Amino acid sequence: MPFNPSAIDGALEIARSEEVNPNDIDQVTVHTSRQPWKRRICLCPQDGPANGLRYSIPYAVAVALLRRKVILSDFDANKLGIRRS
């Protein structure tokens, strides 16, 4: 499960309400609290790039804007060809 549902929800809301064309996007800025990231460091084991996808706001927001939906398999390392370390 991705760790950044607020960023995903925000990107989906903008993409749907503004009819955003992904090709027109130059940059996205997401403001978030630091608190969840402190908790992640304490509770989540490191698992290389595969684990990083679940915590990557840039990746999750990009998926939301490009596909206008985000599903669990978007974070599946095997599907994306990422080898676990």
Foldseek 3Di string as FASTA:
>chain_A
DAPCVVLLVVLLVCCVVVVDDLVPDDDDDDDDDCVVVVVCVVPPDDWPPLVVCSHDSVQSSSCCNHVSDDDPCSSGCVVVVHDTD
